[in-house]
Amino acid sequence: MLCVLCRTPHPLRHLAAALNGWLVFREGTLPRSLAIDGKAIGKLKGEIITLCHHASGAPVAACQKSGQ
């Protein structure tokens, strides 16, 4: 599978760069231990991705994507 942005075989490179940039920008304001959790909500209804504090499970950031 090729990345739609740069046509290389590393489609997650841009996601990793964006996430790393976001984490670096917020260094000192976020917990040191984070977890990423993603869920699909119903068949084609949508998805939610949450960045959580690892120990407590408290959400730090979340985004949603509507289904088709």
Protein backbone atom coordinates (compact mmCIF):
# COMPACT_ATOMS: atom_id res chain seq x y z
CA MET A 1 0.00 0.00 0.00
CA LEU A 2 1.37 3.43 -0.96
CA CYS A 3 1.00 6.68 0.92
CA VAL A 4 -1.49 8.95 -0.87
CA LEU A 5 0.61 12.03 -0.01
CA CYS A 6 4.12 11.00 -1.04
CA ARG A 7 3.55 7.74 -3.00
CA THR A 8 6.01 5.75 -0.85
CA PRO A 9 5.35 2.37 0.75
CA HIS A 10 5.18 3.99 4.23
CA PRO A 11 1.59 5.31 4.58
CA LEU A 12 1.88 5.82 8.35
CA ARG A 13 4.89 8.15 8.13
CA HIS A 14 2.74 11.30 7.96
CA LEU A 15 0.51 10.19 10.84
CA ALA A 16 3.58 9.46 12.97
CA ALA A 17 5.14 12.83 12.09
CA ALA A 18 1.93 14.71 12.94
CA LEU A 19 1.46 12.86 16.22
CA ASN A 20 5.10 13.35 17.21
CA GLY A 21 4.89 17.06 16.41
CA TRP A 22 1.73 17.42 18.50
CA LEU A 23 3.35 15.59 21.44
CA VAL A 24 6.56 17.65 21.25
CA PHE A 25 4.59 20.92 21.10
CA ARG A 26 2.69 19.94 24.26
CA GLU A 27 5.66 18.54 26.17
CA GLY A 28 5.37 19.37 29.85
CA THR A 29 1.57 19.67 29.72
CA LEU A 30 0.77 16.01 29.00
CA PRO A 31 1.24 12.92 31.17
CA ARG A 32 4.53 11.12 30.46
CA SER A 33 2.75 7.83 29.77
CA LEU A 34 0.02 7.85 27.11
CA ALA A 35 -1.96 5.20 25.25
CA ILE A 36 -3.84 5.37 21.95
CA ASP A 37 -7.16 3.57 21.62
CA GLY A 38 -9.33 3.36 18.51
CA LYS A 39 -12.86 2.07 18.14
CA ALA A 40 -15.14 1.48 15.18
CA ILE A 41 -18.73 2.41 16.03
CA GLY A 42 -21.14 0.21 14.18
CA LYS A 43 -20.60 -0.90 10.61
CA LEU A 44 -19.62 2.22 8.62
CA LYS A 45 -21.10 4.62 11.20
CA GLY A 46 -17.79 6.07 12.30
CA GLU A 47 -14.62 5.75 14.29
CA ILE A 48 -13.17 7.41 17.37
CA ILE A 49 -9.52 7.59 18.37
CA THR A 50 -8.60 8.60 21.92
CA LEU A 51 -5.25 9.52 23.45
CA CYS A 52 -5.46 8.52 27.13
CA HIS A 53 -3.41 8.80 30.31
CA HIS A 54 -1.96 5.29 30.59
CA ALA A 55 -2.44 4.79 34.34
CA SER A 56 -5.87 6.38 34.87
CA GLY A 57 -7.46 5.93 31.44
CA ALA A 58 -8.52 9.58 31.46
CA PRO A 59 -8.82 10.99 27.92
CA VAL A 60 -6.30 13.68 26.94
CA ALA A 61 -7.46 14.17 23.34
CA ALA A 62 -9.94 12.52 20.98
CA CYS A 63 -11.06 12.78 17.37
CA GLN A 64 -13.87 11.21 15.42
CA LYS A 65 -14.40 10.29 11.80
CA SER A 66 -17.89 9.97 10.36
CA GLY A 67 -18.73 6.86 8.40
CA GLN A 68 -19.55 6.68 4.71
